[in-house]
Amino acid sequence: MGMLDGLLSQVTGNVDVDTLAAKVGLTPDQVEQAMTALGQAHGQPGDTVATAADNTGIEPNKLQDIVSHIGGEGALGQFAGLLEGQEGGIGGMLGGLKSKLFG
């Protein structure tokens, strides 16, 4: 979770995966899955939360809580940009994380 915590710290202060999980009532693994799905869905057409919910099975209200806790749509956009990254950069490092979460 360290890598995701690092990305979150670049977007919002004092939020880490464990703290966020406790606040929204999910496990840290579910929050990691949710954050990755939200980041990927942010740049796609349609509703970001609905798309992430469809991809993860996590309730939309929990995903919306996560978005709120990280600072809203603007912070989510920053996070999504960090997920994309350049090949070999943050995006390359997260490739393994994405494949573990989404097969």
PDB file of N, CA and C in Angstrom:
ATOM      1  N   MET A   1       0.813  -1.195   0.000  1.00  0.00           N
ATOM      2  CA  MET A   1       0.000   0.000   0.000  1.00  0.00           C
ATOM      3  C   MET A   1       0.854   1.256   0.000  1.00  0.00           C
ATOM      4  N   GLY A   2       2.130   1.109   0.234  1.00  0.00           N
ATOM      5  CA  GLY A   2       2.995   2.258   0.306  1.00  0.00           C
ATOM      6  C   GLY A   2       2.952   3.129  -0.934  1.00  0.00           C
ATOM      7  N   MET A   3       2.913   2.498  -2.113  1.00  0.00           N
ATOM      8  CA  MET A   3       2.900   3.266  -3.350  1.00  0.00           C
ATOM      9  C   MET A   3       1.621   4.088  -3.457  1.00  0.00           C
ATOM     10  N   LEU A   4       0.487   3.479  -3.136  1.00  0.00           N
ATOM     11  CA  LEU A   4      -0.775   4.213  -3.192  1.00  0.00           C
ATOM     12  C   LEU A   4      -0.800   5.319  -2.153  1.00  0.00           C
ATOM     13  N   ASP A   5      -0.262   5.042  -0.964  1.00  0.00           N
ATOM     14  CA  ASP A   5      -0.164   6.088   0.057  1.00  0.00           C
ATOM     15  C   ASP A   5       0.661   7.259  -0.464  1.00  0.00           C
ATOM     16  N   GLY A   6       1.741   6.965  -1.178  1.00  0.00           N
ATOM     17  CA  GLY A   6       2.573   8.020  -1.743  1.00  0.00           C
ATOM     18  C   GLY A   6       1.818   8.871  -2.737  1.00  0.00           C
ATOM     19  N   LEU A   7       1.020   8.225  -3.585  1.00  0.00           N
ATOM     20  CA  LEU A   7       0.216   8.975  -4.553  1.00  0.00           C
ATOM     21  C   LEU A   7      -0.840   9.822  -3.852  1.00  0.00           C
ATOM     22  N   LEU A   8      -1.488   9.234  -2.852  1.00  0.00           N
ATOM     23  CA  LEU A   8      -2.499   9.991  -2.111  1.00  0.00           C
ATOM     24  C   LEU A   8      -1.891  11.203  -1.422  1.00  0.00           C
ATOM     25  N   SER A   9      -0.680  11.044  -0.901  1.00  0.00           N
ATOM     26  CA  SER A   9      -0.046  12.175  -0.210  1.00  0.00           C
ATOM     27  C   SER A   9       0.258  13.320  -1.166  1.00  0.00           C
ATOM     28  N   GLN A  10       0.421  13.010  -2.459  1.00  0.00           N
ATOM     29  CA  GLN A  10       0.652  14.063  -3.443  1.00  0.00           C
ATOM     30  C   GLN A  10      -0.631  14.801  -3.791  1.00  0.00           C
ATOM     31  N   VAL A  11      -1.765  14.174  -3.546  1.00  0.00           N
ATOM     32  CA  VAL A  11      -3.058  14.752  -3.894  1.00  0.00           C
ATOM     33  C   VAL A  11      -3.695  15.449  -2.703  1.00  0.00           C
ATOM     34  N   THR A  12      -3.609  14.828  -1.543  1.00  0.00           N
ATOM     35  CA  THR A  12      -4.267  15.368  -0.364  1.00  0.00           C
ATOM     36  C   THR A  12      -3.427  15.073   0.866  1.00  0.00           C
ATOM     37  N   GLY A  13      -3.396  15.971   1.795  1.00  0.00           N
ATOM     38  CA  GLY A  13      -2.594  15.782   2.995  1.00  0.00           C
ATOM     39  C   GLY A  13      -3.283  14.907   4.022  1.00  0.00           C
ATOM     40  N   ASN A  14      -2.487  14.203   4.775  1.00  0.00           N
ATOM     41  CA  ASN A  14      -2.957  13.420   5.920  1.00  0.00           C
ATOM     42  C   ASN A  14      -4.002  12.358   5.592  1.00  0.00           C
ATOM     43  N   VAL A  15      -3.967  11.818   4.392  1.00  0.00           N
ATOM     44  CA  VAL A  15      -4.851  10.707   4.055  1.00  0.00           C
ATOM     45  C   VAL A  15      -3.978   9.565   3.573  1.00  0.00           C
ATOM     46  N   ASP A  16      -4.128   8.416   4.235  1.00  0.00           N
ATOM     47  CA  ASP A  16      -3.468   7.214   3.759  1.00  0.00           C
ATOM     48  C   ASP A  16      -4.519   6.130   3.593  1.00  0.00           C
ATOM     49  N   VAL A  17      -4.141   5.025   3.015  1.00  0.00           N
ATOM     50  CA  VAL A  17      -5.097   3.977   2.698  1.00  0.00           C
ATOM     51  C   VAL A  17      -5.795   3.463   3.952  1.00  0.00           C
ATOM     52  N   ASP A  18      -5.033   3.189   5.014  1.00  0.00           N
ATOM     53  CA  ASP A  18      -5.641   2.649   6.231  1.00  0.00           C
ATOM     54  C   ASP A  18      -6.631   3.631   6.860  1.00  0.00           C
ATOM     55  N   THR A  19      -6.263   4.901   6.921  1.00  0.00           N
ATOM     56  CA  THR A  19      -7.148   5.918   7.481  1.00  0.00           C
ATOM     57  C   THR A  19      -8.401   6.074   6.633  1.00  0.00           C
ATOM     58  N   LEU A  20      -8.209   6.120   5.327  1.00  0.00           N
ATOM     59  CA  LEU A  20      -9.344   6.248   4.414  1.00  0.00           C
ATOM     60  C   LEU A  20     -10.268   5.041   4.533  1.00  0.00           C
ATOM     61  N   ALA A  21      -9.702   3.855   4.645  1.00  0.00           N
ATOM     62  CA  ALA A  21     -10.508   2.641   4.792  1.00  0.00           C
ATOM     63  C   ALA A  21     -11.369   2.704   6.053  1.00  0.00           C
ATOM     64  N   ALA A  22     -10.768   3.144   7.142  1.00  0.00           N
ATOM     65  CA  ALA A  22     -11.511   3.248   8.404  1.00  0.00           C
ATOM     66  C   ALA A  22     -12.641   4.272   8.288  1.00  0.00           C
ATOM     67  N   LYS A  23     -12.390   5.374   7.589  1.00  0.00           N
ATOM     68  CA  LYS A  23     -13.400   6.425   7.460  1.00  0.00           C
ATOM     69  C   LYS A  23     -14.598   5.997   6.621  1.00  0.00           C
ATOM     70  N   VAL A  24     -14.358   5.187   5.585  1.00  0.00           N
ATOM     71  CA  VAL A  24     -15.451   4.836   4.673  1.00  0.00           C
ATOM     72  C   VAL A  24     -16.007   3.438   4.912  1.00  0.00           C
ATOM     73  N   GLY A  25     -15.428   2.696   5.853  1.00  0.00           N
ATOM     74  CA  GLY A  25     -15.967   1.379   6.190  1.00  0.00           C
ATOM     75  C   GLY A  25     -15.623   0.284   5.206  1.00  0.00           C
ATOM     76  N   LEU A  26     -14.441   0.373   4.600  1.00  0.00           N
ATOM     77  CA  LEU A  26     -13.957  -0.665   3.695  1.00  0.00           C
ATOM     78  C   LEU A  26     -12.619  -1.183   4.206  1.00  0.00           C
ATOM     79  N   THR A  27     -12.160  -2.282   3.641  1.00  0.00           N
ATOM     80  CA  THR A  27     -10.828  -2.769   3.975  1.00  0.00           C
ATOM     81  C   THR A  27      -9.794  -1.959   3.186  1.00  0.00           C
ATOM     82  N   PRO A  28      -8.555  -1.936   3.646  1.00  0.00           N
ATOM     83  CA  PRO A  28      -7.514  -1.254   2.863  1.00  0.00           C
ATOM     84  C   PRO A  28      -7.397  -1.803   1.437  1.00  0.00           C
ATOM     85  N   ASP A  29      -7.552  -3.109   1.263  1.00  0.00           N
ATOM     86  CA  ASP A  29      -7.496  -3.680  -0.087  1.00  0.00           C
ATOM     87  C   ASP A  29      -8.632  -3.158  -0.960  1.00  0.00           C
ATOM     88  N   GLN A  30      -9.826  -3.021  -0.378  1.00  0.00           N
ATOM     89  CA  GLN A  30     -10.955  -2.482  -1.136  1.00  0.00           C
ATOM     90  C   GLN A  30     -10.716  -1.018  -1.503  1.00  0.00           C
ATOM     91  N   VAL A  31     -10.117  -0.253  -0.596  1.00  0.00           N
ATOM     92  CA  VAL A  31      -9.820   1.150  -0.896  1.00  0.00           C
ATOM     93  C   VAL A  31      -8.796   1.239  -2.009  1.00  0.00           C
ATOM     94  N   GLU A  32      -7.798   0.381  -1.984  1.00  0.00           N
ATOM     95  CA  GLU A  32      -6.794   0.370  -3.048  1.00  0.00           C
ATOM     96  C   GLU A  32      -7.463   0.056  -4.388  1.00  0.00           C
ATOM     97  N   GLN A  33      -8.327  -0.945  -4.399  1.00  0.00           N
ATOM     98  CA  GLN A  33      -9.059  -1.299  -5.609  1.00  0.00           C
ATOM     99  C   GLN A  33      -9.949  -0.130  -6.056  1.00  0.00           C
ATOM    100  N   ALA A  34     -10.641   0.478  -5.109  1.00  0.00           N
ATOM    101  CA  ALA A  34     -11.536   1.593  -5.421  1.00  0.00           C
ATOM    102  C   ALA A  34     -10.775   2.785  -5.992  1.00  0.00           C
ATOM    103  N   MET A  35      -9.650   3.137  -5.379  1.00  0.00           N
ATOM    104  CA  MET A  35      -8.873   4.293  -5.850  1.00  0.00           C
ATOM    105  C   MET A  35      -8.351   4.059  -7.262  1.00  0.00           C
ATOM    106  N   THR A  36      -7.882   2.862  -7.526  1.00  0.00           N
ATOM    107  CA  THR A  36      -7.391   2.554  -8.864  1.00  0.00           C
ATOM    108  C   THR A  36      -8.533   2.624  -9.875  1.00  0.00           C
ATOM    109  N   ALA A  37      -9.694   2.062  -9.531  1.00  0.00           N
ATOM    110  CA  ALA A  37     -10.846   2.092 -10.435  1.00  0.00           C
ATOM    111  C   ALA A  37     -11.344   3.515 -10.660  1.00  0.00           C
ATOM    112  N   LEU A  38     -11.384   4.314  -9.606  1.00  0.00           N
ATOM    113  CA  LEU A  38     -11.809   5.712  -9.746  1.00  0.00           C
ATOM    114  C   LEU A  38     -10.829   6.486 -10.626  1.00  0.00           C
ATOM    115  N   GLY A  39      -9.551   6.266 -10.418  1.00  0.00           N
ATOM    116  CA  GLY A  39      -8.546   6.948 -11.233  1.00  0.00           C
ATOM    117  C   GLY A  39      -8.659   6.587 -12.703  1.00  0.00           C
ATOM    118  N   GLN A  40      -8.886   5.306 -12.979  1.00  0.00           N
ATOM    119  CA  GLN A  40      -9.030   4.865 -14.365  1.00  0.00           C
ATOM    120  C   GLN A  40     -10.323   5.380 -14.980  1.00  0.00           C
ATOM    121  N   ALA A  41     -11.400   5.388 -14.213  1.00  0.00           N
ATOM    122  CA  ALA A  41     -12.700   5.800 -14.734  1.00  0.00           C
ATOM    123  C   ALA A  41     -12.794   7.303 -14.939  1.00  0.00           C
ATOM    124  N   HIS A  42     -11.969   8.066 -14.253  1.00  0.00           N
ATOM    125  CA  HIS A  42     -12.061   9.524 -14.312  1.00  0.00           C
ATOM    126  C   HIS A  42     -11.937  10.058 -15.730  1.00  0.00           C
ATOM    127  N   GLY A  43     -11.091   9.479 -16.530  1.00  0.00           N
ATOM    128  CA  GLY A  43     -10.885   9.965 -17.891  1.00  0.00           C
ATOM    129  C   GLY A  43     -11.813   9.355 -18.918  1.00  0.00           C
ATOM    130  N   GLN A  44     -12.687   8.470 -18.502  1.00  0.00           N
ATOM    131  CA  GLN A  44     -13.596   7.810 -19.424  1.00  0.00           C
ATOM    132  C   GLN A  44     -14.924   8.562 -19.501  1.00  0.00           C
ATOM    133  N   PRO A  45     -15.635   8.369 -20.613  1.00  0.00           N
ATOM    134  CA  PRO A  45     -16.964   8.991 -20.705  1.00  0.00           C
ATOM    135  C   PRO A  45     -17.906   8.403 -19.653  1.00  0.00           C
ATOM    136  N   GLY A  46     -18.873   9.190 -19.244  1.00  0.00           N
ATOM    137  CA  GLY A  46     -19.863   8.718 -18.285  1.00  0.00           C
ATOM    138  C   GLY A  46     -19.514   9.096 -16.868  1.00  0.00           C
ATOM    139  N   ASP A  47     -20.285   8.585 -15.946  1.00  0.00           N
ATOM    140  CA  ASP A  47     -20.132   8.900 -14.535  1.00  0.00           C
ATOM    141  C   ASP A  47     -18.980   8.098 -13.934  1.00  0.00           C
ATOM    142  N   THR A  48     -18.028   8.798 -13.355  1.00  0.00           N
ATOM    143  CA  THR A  48     -16.832   8.167 -12.793  1.00  0.00           C
ATOM    144  C   THR A  48     -17.183   7.159 -11.706  1.00  0.00           C
ATOM    145  N   VAL A  49     -18.023   7.560 -10.765  1.00  0.00           N
ATOM    146  CA  VAL A  49     -18.363   6.680  -9.640  1.00  0.00           C
ATOM    147  C   VAL A  49     -19.125   5.455 -10.135  1.00  0.00           C
ATOM    148  N   ALA A  50     -20.064   5.637 -11.046  1.00  0.00           N
ATOM    149  CA  ALA A  50     -20.835   4.504 -11.563  1.00  0.00           C
ATOM    150  C   ALA A  50     -19.931   3.527 -12.308  1.00  0.00           C
ATOM    151  N   THR A  51     -19.009   4.044 -13.097  1.00  0.00           N
ATOM    152  CA  THR A  51     -18.084   3.185 -13.832  1.00  0.00           C
ATOM    153  C   THR A  51     -17.205   2.397 -12.871  1.00  0.00           C
ATOM    154  N   ALA A  52     -16.670   3.075 -11.860  1.00  0.00           N
ATOM    155  CA  ALA A  52     -15.828   2.395 -10.873  1.00  0.00           C
ATOM    156  C   ALA A  52     -16.628   1.361 -10.091  1.00  0.00           C
ATOM    157  N   ALA A  53     -17.873   1.666  -9.776  1.00  0.00           N
ATOM    158  CA  ALA A  53     -18.732   0.716  -9.067  1.00  0.00           C
ATOM    159  C   ALA A  53     -18.972  -0.527  -9.920  1.00  0.00           C
ATOM    160  N   ASP A  54     -19.228  -0.315 -11.195  1.00  0.00           N
ATOM    161  CA  ASP A  54     -19.437  -1.446 -12.107  1.00  0.00           C
ATOM    162  C   ASP A  54     -18.183  -2.318 -12.191  1.00  0.00           C
ATOM    163  N   ASN A  55     -17.020  -1.695 -12.167  1.00  0.00           N
ATOM    164  CA  ASN A  55     -15.763  -2.433 -12.311  1.00  0.00           C
ATOM    165  C   ASN A  55     -15.311  -3.127 -11.037  1.00  0.00           C
ATOM    166  N   THR A  56     -15.773  -2.654  -9.896  1.00  0.00           N
ATOM    167  CA  THR A  56     -15.281  -3.207  -8.630  1.00  0.00           C
ATOM    168  C   THR A  56     -16.337  -3.947  -7.815  1.00  0.00           C
ATOM    169  N   GLY A  57     -17.599  -3.622  -8.025  1.00  0.00           N
ATOM    170  CA  GLY A  57     -18.649  -4.178  -7.182  1.00  0.00           C
ATOM    171  C   GLY A  57     -18.790  -3.449  -5.857  1.00  0.00           C
ATOM    172  N   ILE A  58     -18.017  -2.392  -5.666  1.00  0.00           N
ATOM    173  CA  ILE A  58     -18.109  -1.582  -4.443  1.00  0.00           C
ATOM    174  C   ILE A  58     -19.272  -0.613  -4.608  1.00  0.00           C
ATOM    175  N   GLU A  59     -20.050  -0.449  -3.549  1.00  0.00           N
ATOM    176  CA  GLU A  59     -21.233   0.403  -3.597  1.00  0.00           C
ATOM    177  C   GLU A  59     -20.867   1.837  -4.000  1.00  0.00           C
ATOM    178  N   PRO A  60     -21.679   2.438  -4.885  1.00  0.00           N
ATOM    179  CA  PRO A  60     -21.405   3.808  -5.320  1.00  0.00           C
ATOM    180  C   PRO A  60     -21.300   4.808  -4.167  1.00  0.00           C
ATOM    181  N   ASN A  61     -22.096   4.645  -3.115  1.00  0.00           N
ATOM    182  CA  ASN A  61     -22.022   5.602  -2.005  1.00  0.00           C
ATOM    183  C   ASN A  61     -20.667   5.509  -1.290  1.00  0.00           C
ATOM    184  N   LYS A  62     -20.079   4.336  -1.238  1.00  0.00           N
ATOM    185  CA  LYS A  62     -18.743   4.185  -0.635  1.00  0.00           C
ATOM    186  C   LYS A  62     -17.700   4.861  -1.518  1.00  0.00           C
ATOM    187  N   LEU A  63     -17.832   4.693  -2.825  1.00  0.00           N
ATOM    188  CA  LEU A  63     -16.895   5.326  -3.757  1.00  0.00           C
ATOM    189  C   LEU A  63     -17.017   6.847  -3.695  1.00  0.00           C
ATOM    190  N   GLN A  64     -18.256   7.339  -3.596  1.00  0.00           N
ATOM    191  CA  GLN A  64     -18.450   8.786  -3.478  1.00  0.00           C
ATOM    192  C   GLN A  64     -17.846   9.307  -2.181  1.00  0.00           C
ATOM    193  N   ASP A  65     -17.957   8.523  -1.100  1.00  0.00           N
ATOM    194  CA  ASP A  65     -17.314   8.899   0.170  1.00  0.00           C
ATOM    195  C   ASP A  65     -15.805   9.025  -0.005  1.00  0.00           C
ATOM    196  N   ILE A  66     -15.214   8.094  -0.745  1.00  0.00           N
ATOM    197  CA  ILE A  66     -13.770   8.142  -0.988  1.00  0.00           C
ATOM    198  C   ILE A  66     -13.412   9.425  -1.736  1.00  0.00           C
ATOM    199  N   VAL A  67     -14.164   9.722  -2.785  1.00  0.00           N
ATOM    200  CA  VAL A  67     -13.908  10.944  -3.568  1.00  0.00           C
ATOM    201  C   VAL A  67     -13.990  12.167  -2.658  1.00  0.00           C
ATOM    202  N   SER A  68     -14.988  12.201  -1.802  1.00  0.00           N
ATOM    203  CA  SER A  68     -15.143  13.336  -0.883  1.00  0.00           C
ATOM    204  C   SER A  68     -13.968  13.440   0.083  1.00  0.00           C
ATOM    205  N   HIS A  69     -13.532  12.310   0.616  1.00  0.00           N
ATOM    206  CA  HIS A  69     -12.446  12.320   1.597  1.00  0.00           C
ATOM    207  C   HIS A  69     -11.098  12.711   1.001  1.00  0.00           C
ATOM    208  N   ILE A  70     -10.910  12.455  -0.291  1.00  0.00           N
ATOM    209  CA  ILE A  70      -9.623  12.844  -0.889  1.00  0.00           C
ATOM    210  C   ILE A  70      -9.636  14.274  -1.407  1.00  0.00           C
ATOM    211  N   GLY A  71     -10.797  14.922  -1.386  1.00  0.00           N
ATOM    212  CA  GLY A  71     -10.843  16.324  -1.785  1.00  0.00           C
ATOM    213  C   GLY A  71     -11.711  16.615  -2.987  1.00  0.00           C
ATOM    214  N   GLY A  72     -12.540  15.675  -3.409  1.00  0.00           N
ATOM    215  CA  GLY A  72     -13.475  15.925  -4.493  1.00  0.00           C
ATOM    216  C   GLY A  72     -12.926  15.584  -5.864  1.00  0.00           C
ATOM    217  N   GLU A  73     -13.668  16.023  -6.882  1.00  0.00           N
ATOM    218  CA  GLU A  73     -13.338  15.704  -8.273  1.00  0.00           C
ATOM    219  C   GLU A  73     -11.977  16.250  -8.698  1.00  0.00           C
ATOM    220  N   GLY A  74     -11.622  17.429  -8.212  1.00  0.00           N
ATOM    221  CA  GLY A  74     -10.325  18.001  -8.581  1.00  0.00           C
ATOM    222  C   GLY A  74      -9.174  17.134  -8.097  1.00  0.00           C
ATOM    223  N   ALA A  75      -9.267  16.680  -6.864  1.00  0.00           N
ATOM    224  CA  ALA A  75      -8.226  15.808  -6.317  1.00  0.00           C
ATOM    225  C   ALA A  75      -8.213  14.472  -7.047  1.00  0.00           C
ATOM    226  N   LEU A  76      -9.394  13.982  -7.405  1.00  0.00           N
ATOM    227  CA  LEU A  76      -9.464  12.733  -8.152  1.00  0.00           C
ATOM    228  C   LEU A  76      -8.801  12.893  -9.515  1.00  0.00           C
ATOM    229  N   GLY A  77      -8.997  14.042 -10.138  1.00  0.00           N
ATOM    230  CA  GLY A  77      -8.341  14.312 -11.416  1.00  0.00           C
ATOM    231  C   GLY A  77      -6.828  14.303 -11.293  1.00  0.00           C
ATOM    232  N   GLN A  78      -6.323  14.890 -10.208  1.00  0.00           N
ATOM    233  CA  GLN A  78      -4.875  14.860  -9.974  1.00  0.00           C
ATOM    234  C   GLN A  78      -4.390  13.436  -9.779  1.00  0.00           C
ATOM    235  N   PHE A  79      -5.141  12.664  -8.999  1.00  0.00           N
ATOM    236  CA  PHE A  79      -4.785  11.271  -8.754  1.00  0.00           C
ATOM    237  C   PHE A  79      -4.790  10.480 -10.059  1.00  0.00           C
ATOM    238  N   ALA A  80      -5.809  10.699 -10.895  1.00  0.00           N
ATOM    239  CA  ALA A  80      -5.900  10.006 -12.176  1.00  0.00           C
ATOM    240  C   ALA A  80      -4.694  10.331 -13.047  1.00  0.00           C
ATOM    241  N   GLY A  81      -4.271  11.589 -13.030  1.00  0.00           N
ATOM    242  CA  GLY A  81      -3.094  11.982 -13.790  1.00  0.00           C
ATOM    243  C   GLY A  81      -1.840  11.277 -13.303  1.00  0.00           C
ATOM    244  N   LEU A  82      -1.726  11.113 -12.003  1.00  0.00           N
ATOM    245  CA  LEU A  82      -0.583  10.393 -11.446  1.00  0.00           C
ATOM    246  C   LEU A  82      -0.619   8.916 -11.837  1.00  0.00           C
ATOM    247  N   LEU A  83      -1.816   8.347 -11.885  1.00  0.00           N
ATOM    248  CA  LEU A  83      -1.942   6.950 -12.293  1.00  0.00           C
ATOM    249  C   LEU A  83      -1.496   6.751 -13.731  1.00  0.00           C
ATOM    250  N   GLU A  84      -1.833   7.702 -14.580  1.00  0.00           N
ATOM    251  CA  GLU A  84      -1.483   7.584 -15.989  1.00  0.00           C
ATOM    252  C   GLU A  84       0.032   7.636 -16.177  1.00  0.00           C
ATOM    253  N   GLY A  85       0.652   8.711 -15.667  1.00  0.00           N
ATOM    254  CA  GLY A  85       2.099   8.857 -15.722  1.00  0.00           C
ATOM    255  C   GLY A  85       2.704   8.555 -17.083  1.00  0.00           C
ATOM    256  N   GLN A  86       3.984   8.587 -17.123  1.00  0.00           N
ATOM    257  CA  GLN A  86       4.747   8.214 -18.301  1.00  0.00           C
ATOM    258  C   GLN A  86       5.171   6.769 -18.152  1.00  0.00           C
ATOM    259  N   GLU A  87       5.357   6.056 -19.261  1.00  0.00           N
ATOM    260  CA  GLU A  87       5.821   4.673 -19.181  1.00  0.00           C
ATOM    261  C   GLU A  87       7.157   4.660 -18.459  1.00  0.00           C
ATOM    262  N   GLY A  88       7.273   3.789 -17.502  1.00  0.00           N
ATOM    263  CA  GLY A  88       8.479   3.732 -16.693  1.00  0.00           C
ATOM    264  C   GLY A  88       8.399   4.636 -15.477  1.00  0.00           C
ATOM    265  N   GLY A  89       7.423   5.556 -15.462  1.00  0.00           N
ATOM    266  CA  GLY A  89       7.233   6.433 -14.309  1.00  0.00           C
ATOM    267  C   GLY A  89       6.232   5.815 -13.358  1.00  0.00           C
ATOM    268  N   ILE A  90       5.435   6.658 -12.740  1.00  0.00           N
ATOM    269  CA  ILE A  90       4.446   6.170 -11.783  1.00  0.00           C
ATOM    270  C   ILE A  90       3.478   5.213 -12.462  1.00  0.00           C
ATOM    271  N   GLY A  91       3.042   5.549 -13.660  1.00  0.00           N
ATOM    272  CA  GLY A  91       2.111   4.669 -14.364  1.00  0.00           C
ATOM    273  C   GLY A  91       2.701   3.308 -14.626  1.00  0.00           C
ATOM    274  N   GLY A  92       3.978   3.255 -14.979  1.00  0.00           N
ATOM    275  CA  GLY A  92       4.628   1.971 -15.192  1.00  0.00           C
ATOM    276  C   GLY A  92       4.718   1.165 -13.918  1.00  0.00           C
ATOM    277  N   MET A  93       5.020   1.834 -12.817  1.00  0.00           N
ATOM    278  CA  MET A  93       5.102   1.133 -11.533  1.00  0.00           C
ATOM    279  C   MET A  93       3.746   0.589 -11.118  1.00  0.00           C
ATOM    280  N   LEU A  94       2.678   1.296 -11.483  1.00  0.00           N
ATOM    281  CA  LEU A  94       1.353   0.856 -11.081  1.00  0.00           C
ATOM    282  C   LEU A  94       0.776  -0.188 -12.016  1.00  0.00           C
ATOM    283  N   GLY A  95       1.457  -0.476 -13.103  1.00  0.00           N
ATOM    284  CA  GLY A  95       0.955  -1.487 -14.032  1.00  0.00           C
ATOM    285  C   GLY A  95       0.708  -2.811 -13.332  1.00  0.00           C
ATOM    286  N   GLY A  96       1.619  -3.225 -12.500  1.00  0.00           N
ATOM    287  CA  GLY A  96       1.447  -4.466 -11.758  1.00  0.00           C
ATOM    288  C   GLY A  96       0.278  -4.397 -10.811  1.00  0.00           C
ATOM    289  N   LEU A  97       0.101  -3.261 -10.151  1.00  0.00           N
ATOM    290  CA  LEU A  97      -1.022  -3.076  -9.249  1.00  0.00           C
ATOM    291  C   LEU A  97      -2.336  -3.182 -10.016  1.00  0.00           C
ATOM    292  N   LYS A  98      -2.424  -2.518 -11.166  1.00  0.00           N
ATOM    293  CA  LYS A  98      -3.645  -2.556 -11.969  1.00  0.00           C
ATOM    294  C   LYS A  98      -3.946  -3.983 -12.401  1.00  0.00           C
ATOM    295  N   SER A  99      -2.933  -4.733 -12.832  1.00  0.00           N
ATOM    296  CA  SER A  99      -3.187  -6.091 -13.316  1.00  0.00           C
ATOM    297  C   SER A  99      -3.628  -7.002 -12.179  1.00  0.00           C
ATOM    298  N   LYS A 100      -3.095  -6.788 -10.965  1.00  0.00           N
ATOM    299  CA  LYS A 100      -3.522  -7.590  -9.822  1.00  0.00           C
ATOM    300  C   LYS A 100      -4.985  -7.313  -9.480  1.00  0.00           C
ATOM    301  N   LEU A 101      -5.387  -6.059  -9.573  1.00  0.00           N
ATOM    302  CA  LEU A 101      -6.739  -5.683  -9.187  1.00  0.00           C
ATOM    303  C   LEU A 101      -7.778  -6.025 -10.236  1.00  0.00           C
ATOM    304  N   PHE A 102      -7.394  -5.924 -11.505  1.00  0.00           N
ATOM    305  CA  PHE A 102      -8.375  -6.079 -12.566  1.00  0.00           C
ATOM    306  C   PHE A 102      -8.083  -7.235 -13.509  1.00  0.00           C
ATOM    307  N   GLY A 103      -7.116  -8.087 -13.146  1.00  0.00           N
ATOM    308  CA  GLY A 103      -6.807  -9.279 -13.947  1.00  0.00           C
ATOM    309  C   GLY A 103      -6.260  -8.896 -15.253  1.00  0.00           C
TER     310      GLY A 103
END
